[in-house]
Amino acid sequence: MSTNHHDEASDVIRIHRNTHMFAVSDEGANDTRLSWLARGILFYLETKPEGWGIETDDLVRRGDTDHATTTAALQELADLGYVPQNWDA
């Protein structure tokens, strides 16, 4: 079950669910050195369990960007220390 809550201070509609919730740092979301695509990929990766392997081909299948664009976004994340340099190893 979910409920919608409109936060007037931020004009963001937040959906509160009873399951499948997690806490994530806002550091990556607020890092202006990252493109919006890289921030979105980082958010997705943050939902995965510890030790989950990053596979570029899997991200391409799940997303709406091509392999080169996804790889560039992952490289952004690696260059800034959000993912290991050898993410697809």
N, C-alpha and C. Protein backbone atom coordinates (compact mmCIF):
# COMPACT_ATOMS: atom_id res chain seq x y z
N MET A 1 0.84 -1.18 0.00
CA MET A 1 0.00 0.00 0.00
C MET A 1 0.88 1.24 0.00
N SER A 2 0.49 2.23 -0.77
CA SER A 2 1.26 3.46 -0.81
C SER A 2 0.32 4.65 -0.65
N THR A 3 0.90 5.73 -0.18
CA THR A 3 0.16 6.98 -0.07
C THR A 3 1.00 8.08 -0.68
N ASN A 4 0.36 9.04 -1.28
CA ASN A 4 1.07 10.18 -1.84
C ASN A 4 1.05 11.32 -0.85
N HIS A 5 2.15 12.04 -0.79
CA HIS A 5 2.26 13.17 0.11
C HIS A 5 2.93 14.29 -0.66
N HIS A 6 2.27 15.42 -0.75
CA HIS A 6 2.83 16.58 -1.45
C HIS A 6 3.55 17.45 -0.43
N ASP A 7 4.83 17.59 -0.60
CA ASP A 7 5.65 18.41 0.29
C ASP A 7 5.68 19.83 -0.27
N GLU A 8 4.88 20.72 0.32
CA GLU A 8 4.74 22.07 -0.20
C GLU A 8 6.07 22.82 -0.24
N ALA A 9 6.96 22.53 0.69
CA ALA A 9 8.23 23.25 0.74
C ALA A 9 9.11 22.93 -0.47
N SER A 10 9.00 21.72 -1.00
CA SER A 10 9.88 21.35 -2.10
C SER A 10 9.15 21.12 -3.41
N ASP A 11 7.81 21.14 -3.40
CA ASP A 11 7.00 20.86 -4.58
C ASP A 11 7.31 19.51 -5.20
N VAL A 12 7.66 18.55 -4.36
CA VAL A 12 7.93 17.18 -4.80
C VAL A 12 6.83 16.30 -4.26
N ILE A 13 6.26 15.47 -5.11
CA ILE A 13 5.28 14.49 -4.65
C ILE A 13 6.04 13.25 -4.26
N ARG A 14 5.94 12.90 -3.00
CA ARG A 14 6.64 11.73 -2.48
C ARG A 14 5.65 10.60 -2.27
N ILE A 15 6.05 9.42 -2.69
CA ILE A 15 5.21 8.24 -2.50
C ILE A 15 5.80 7.44 -1.37
N HIS A 16 5.01 7.21 -0.35
CA HIS A 16 5.46 6.45 0.82
C HIS A 16 4.91 5.03 0.72
N ARG A 17 5.81 4.08 0.70
CA ARG A 17 5.41 2.68 0.61
C ARG A 17 5.80 1.96 1.89
N ASN A 18 5.12 0.88 2.16
CA ASN A 18 5.41 0.10 3.35
C ASN A 18 6.51 -0.93 3.13
N THR A 19 6.84 -1.24 1.88
CA THR A 19 7.87 -2.24 1.59
C THR A 19 8.82 -1.71 0.54
N HIS A 20 9.91 -2.42 0.36
CA HIS A 20 10.92 -2.10 -0.66
C HIS A 20 11.49 -0.69 -0.50
N MET A 21 11.71 -0.30 0.73
CA MET A 21 12.29 1.02 0.98
C MET A 21 13.74 0.86 1.41
N PHE A 22 14.52 1.88 1.16
CA PHE A 22 15.91 1.89 1.58
C PHE A 22 16.34 3.34 1.79
N ALA A 23 17.41 3.51 2.51
CA ALA A 23 17.98 4.84 2.73
C ALA A 23 19.22 4.97 1.85
N VAL A 24 19.37 6.12 1.26
CA VAL A 24 20.52 6.35 0.39
C VAL A 24 21.06 7.76 0.67
N SER A 25 22.34 7.89 0.59
CA SER A 25 22.97 9.19 0.77
C SER A 25 22.58 10.12 -0.38
N ASP A 26 22.45 11.39 -0.10
CA ASP A 26 22.13 12.35 -1.16
C ASP A 26 23.39 12.93 -1.80
N GLU A 27 24.55 12.43 -1.41
CA GLU A 27 25.81 12.97 -1.93
C GLU A 27 25.87 12.92 -3.45
N GLY A 28 25.60 11.76 -4.03
CA GLY A 28 25.66 11.62 -5.49
C GLY A 28 24.61 12.46 -6.20
N ALA A 29 23.42 12.53 -5.62
CA ALA A 29 22.34 13.31 -6.23
C ALA A 29 22.68 14.79 -6.29
N ASN A 30 23.47 15.25 -5.34
CA ASN A 30 23.81 16.67 -5.28
C ASN A 30 25.18 16.99 -5.85
N ASP A 31 25.87 16.00 -6.40
CA ASP A 31 27.20 16.21 -6.96
C ASP A 31 27.07 16.76 -8.37
N THR A 32 27.24 18.05 -8.51
CA THR A 32 27.05 18.71 -9.80
C THR A 32 28.12 18.36 -10.82
N ARG A 33 29.15 17.64 -10.41
CA ARG A 33 30.15 17.17 -11.37
C ARG A 33 29.60 16.03 -12.21
N LEU A 34 28.52 15.40 -11.74
CA LEU A 34 27.91 14.27 -12.44
C LEU A 34 26.78 14.73 -13.36
N SER A 35 26.68 14.09 -14.52
CA SER A 35 25.54 14.33 -15.40
C SER A 35 24.29 13.75 -14.75
N TRP A 36 23.14 14.16 -15.25
CA TRP A 36 21.89 13.61 -14.74
C TRP A 36 21.83 12.11 -15.00
N LEU A 37 22.34 11.66 -16.14
CA LEU A 37 22.35 10.24 -16.44
C LEU A 37 23.18 9.47 -15.41
N ALA A 38 24.36 9.97 -15.10
CA ALA A 38 25.21 9.30 -14.12
C ALA A 38 24.54 9.27 -12.75
N ARG A 39 23.86 10.34 -12.38
CA ARG A 39 23.15 10.37 -11.10
C ARG A 39 22.04 9.32 -11.08
N GLY A 40 21.32 9.18 -12.18
CA GLY A 40 20.26 8.18 -12.26
C GLY A 40 20.79 6.76 -12.17
N ILE A 41 21.89 6.50 -12.85
CA ILE A 41 22.51 5.18 -12.78
C ILE A 41 22.99 4.92 -11.35
N LEU A 42 23.59 5.93 -10.73
CA LEU A 42 24.06 5.77 -9.35
C LEU A 42 22.89 5.44 -8.43
N PHE A 43 21.77 6.12 -8.60
CA PHE A 43 20.61 5.84 -7.77
C PHE A 43 20.16 4.39 -7.97
N TYR A 44 20.10 3.94 -9.21
CA TYR A 44 19.72 2.56 -9.50
C TYR A 44 20.70 1.59 -8.83
N LEU A 45 22.00 1.86 -8.95
CA LEU A 45 23.01 0.98 -8.36
C LEU A 45 22.90 0.95 -6.84
N GLU A 46 22.51 2.08 -6.25
CA GLU A 46 22.37 2.15 -4.79
C GLU A 46 21.26 1.21 -4.29
N THR A 47 20.33 0.83 -5.16
CA THR A 47 19.25 -0.06 -4.75
C THR A 47 19.67 -1.53 -4.75
N LYS A 48 20.83 -1.81 -5.29
CA LYS A 48 21.29 -3.20 -5.40
C LYS A 48 22.04 -3.62 -4.13
N PRO A 49 22.03 -4.92 -3.85
CA PRO A 49 22.71 -5.39 -2.63
C PRO A 49 24.23 -5.26 -2.72
N GLU A 50 24.85 -5.22 -1.58
CA GLU A 50 26.31 -5.18 -1.48
C GLU A 50 26.92 -6.31 -2.31
N GLY A 51 27.93 -5.99 -3.11
CA GLY A 51 28.61 -7.00 -3.90
C GLY A 51 27.96 -7.30 -5.24
N TRP A 52 26.86 -6.63 -5.55
CA TRP A 52 26.17 -6.83 -6.82
C TRP A 52 27.09 -6.35 -7.94
N GLY A 53 27.27 -7.13 -8.96
CA GLY A 53 28.18 -6.78 -10.05
C GLY A 53 27.55 -5.84 -11.06
N ILE A 54 28.27 -4.82 -11.44
CA ILE A 54 27.80 -3.87 -12.46
C ILE A 54 28.13 -4.46 -13.83
N GLU A 55 27.12 -4.61 -14.67
CA GLU A 55 27.30 -5.08 -16.03
C GLU A 55 26.71 -4.05 -16.98
N THR A 56 27.56 -3.45 -17.80
CA THR A 56 27.12 -2.40 -18.71
C THR A 56 25.99 -2.88 -19.61
N ASP A 57 26.13 -4.08 -20.18
CA ASP A 57 25.09 -4.59 -21.08
C ASP A 57 23.73 -4.69 -20.38
N ASP A 58 23.74 -5.09 -19.12
CA ASP A 58 22.49 -5.18 -18.36
C ASP A 58 21.88 -3.80 -18.17
N LEU A 59 22.70 -2.80 -17.85
CA LEU A 59 22.20 -1.44 -17.68
C LEU A 59 21.62 -0.90 -18.99
N VAL A 60 22.27 -1.22 -20.11
CA VAL A 60 21.77 -0.78 -21.42
C VAL A 60 20.41 -1.41 -21.69
N ARG A 61 20.27 -2.69 -21.40
CA ARG A 61 18.98 -3.37 -21.61
C ARG A 61 17.88 -2.77 -20.73
N ARG A 62 18.22 -2.35 -19.53
CA ARG A 62 17.22 -1.83 -18.59
C ARG A 62 16.94 -0.35 -18.79
N GLY A 63 17.81 0.34 -19.51
CA GLY A 63 17.68 1.79 -19.65
C GLY A 63 17.27 2.21 -21.04
N ASP A 64 17.50 3.48 -21.32
CA ASP A 64 17.10 4.03 -22.62
C ASP A 64 18.26 4.71 -23.34
N THR A 65 19.49 4.30 -22.99
CA THR A 65 20.67 4.85 -23.66
C THR A 65 21.49 3.73 -24.27
N ASP A 66 22.32 4.08 -25.23
CA ASP A 66 23.14 3.07 -25.89
C ASP A 66 24.36 2.71 -25.04
N HIS A 67 25.11 1.74 -25.53
CA HIS A 67 26.26 1.22 -24.78
C HIS A 67 27.31 2.31 -24.52
N ALA A 68 27.62 3.10 -25.54
CA ALA A 68 28.66 4.13 -25.39
C ALA A 68 28.24 5.19 -24.36
N THR A 69 26.99 5.60 -24.39
CA THR A 69 26.50 6.62 -23.46
C THR A 69 26.49 6.09 -22.03
N THR A 70 26.05 4.85 -21.87
CA THR A 70 26.02 4.23 -20.55
C THR A 70 27.44 4.06 -20.01
N THR A 71 28.36 3.63 -20.88
CA THR A 71 29.76 3.48 -20.48
C THR A 71 30.35 4.82 -20.05
N ALA A 72 30.03 5.89 -20.77
CA ALA A 72 30.54 7.22 -20.41
C ALA A 72 30.01 7.65 -19.04
N ALA A 73 28.75 7.36 -18.76
CA ALA A 73 28.17 7.71 -17.45
C ALA A 73 28.84 6.90 -16.34
N LEU A 74 29.07 5.62 -16.59
CA LEU A 74 29.77 4.79 -15.59
C LEU A 74 31.19 5.29 -15.38
N GLN A 75 31.84 5.75 -16.45
CA GLN A 75 33.20 6.27 -16.30
C GLN A 75 33.19 7.54 -15.45
N GLU A 76 32.16 8.39 -15.62
CA GLU A 76 32.01 9.56 -14.74
C GLU A 76 31.99 9.12 -13.28
N LEU A 77 31.16 8.11 -13.01
CA LEU A 77 31.03 7.61 -11.63
C LEU A 77 32.35 7.04 -11.13
N ALA A 78 33.06 6.33 -11.98
CA ALA A 78 34.35 5.74 -11.59
C ALA A 78 35.39 6.83 -11.34
N ASP A 79 35.42 7.83 -12.22
CA ASP A 79 36.41 8.91 -12.08
C ASP A 79 36.25 9.67 -10.76
N LEU A 80 35.02 9.70 -10.24
CA LEU A 80 34.77 10.42 -9.00
C LEU A 80 34.66 9.50 -7.79
N GLY A 81 34.96 8.20 -7.99
CA GLY A 81 35.02 7.27 -6.88
C GLY A 81 33.70 6.66 -6.44
N TYR A 82 32.65 6.81 -7.23
CA TYR A 82 31.36 6.23 -6.86
C TYR A 82 31.27 4.74 -7.19
N VAL A 83 31.99 4.30 -8.21
CA VAL A 83 32.07 2.88 -8.56
C VAL A 83 33.53 2.56 -8.82
N PRO A 84 33.91 1.28 -8.74
CA PRO A 84 35.30 0.93 -9.01
C PRO A 84 35.67 1.21 -10.46
N GLN A 85 36.95 1.46 -10.71
CA GLN A 85 37.41 1.72 -12.08
C GLN A 85 37.15 0.53 -13.00
N ASN A 86 37.20 -0.68 -12.46
CA ASN A 86 36.99 -1.88 -13.27
C ASN A 86 35.57 -2.41 -13.06
N TRP A 87 34.58 -1.53 -13.22
CA TRP A 87 33.19 -1.87 -12.89
C TRP A 87 32.65 -3.06 -13.66
N ASP A 88 33.09 -3.30 -14.87
CA ASP A 88 32.52 -4.34 -15.72
C ASP A 88 33.41 -5.57 -15.76
N ALA A 89 34.21 -5.74 -14.72
CA ALA A 89 35.18 -6.85 -14.73
C ALA A 89 34.56 -8.12 -14.21
